[in-house]
Amino acid sequence: MRLSDEELERYARHIILREVGGAGQARLKAARVLVIGAGGIGAPAIQYLAAAGIGALTIVDDDHVDRSNLQRQILFATADIGAGKAETAAARVAAINPNVAVRVENRRLSAADAPALIAGHDVVLDGTDNFSTRLAVADAALAARVPLVSSAVAEFEGQLGTFRGWEPDKPCYRCFVGRDPEREGISCSEQGVLGALTGVLGSLAALEVIRALAPFGDDSAGKLLLVDALALRFRTLQLPKDPGCPACGAGTLR
């Protein structure tokens, strides 16, 4: 995929990076990324993915902008209160980079429609705070063999991982969270969250999407990044593949 003169100028700081170059930028232009959730994680991630020149973004969110969102979801402004998040995010993308095609899915993703939504995308970014939705997304991404970038934030802590569980040496999301499908999620409204921390994790999630599309540096799949804002500490853990995992373990029917 060729880059126009305007794109060569727009992405010049990427292109001069030896690890990215013109070929890497062309891969970003050709890519389709599914972003599930335009909230604390999705808001900064969407902005950086648009600025990076991802060719096509699909944004899934059925929520509307609330005043309490504005403390952390910097994609939105006071004037957006009451507007749909997905539609508002799409308008922001168009303002940031008109070269990015945006598709809006104003719905709450379910296990039934996850496979159809994921089909045709190159990477899935999950920034939801609902555990059942996370599992539905993870299972569908695994079945479709689409890399999953998953991030979450609560209070002063955040986590980020990239999952390609169909590979023999890489864990899937269920290898990480275990076998508890009934785990209840706790929302930001119940426990609070430091606004700037969502910006850190959302930006890192965008970074991992870009790495998955135009690989550079070390492969991050199978690693879990833990961020502790109270101690200003970043830790990386190696996640083992669970041989008994019901989703990707030995003997699993796929």
Foldseek 3Di string as FASTA:
>chain_A
DDDDPVRCVLQVVQQPPPLQHPVLLVLQLVFEEEEEDLALQNQLLLLVSLSSNRNEYEYEEQDADDPVRVQANVLDDPVRGPPGRQVSSVVSSCVNHVNHHYHYHNDHDALVCLLVVCPPGQEYEYEDQFLRSVVSNQLSCQVVQHKYWYKYFFAQKIKIAIFRLQDPWFATVCLVVDDDNPDGGDDCVRGNGNRVVSNVNSNVSSVLVSCSRRNDDDNRGQKMWMAGRVVRDIDIDRRGHDLPRQRRHPPHDD
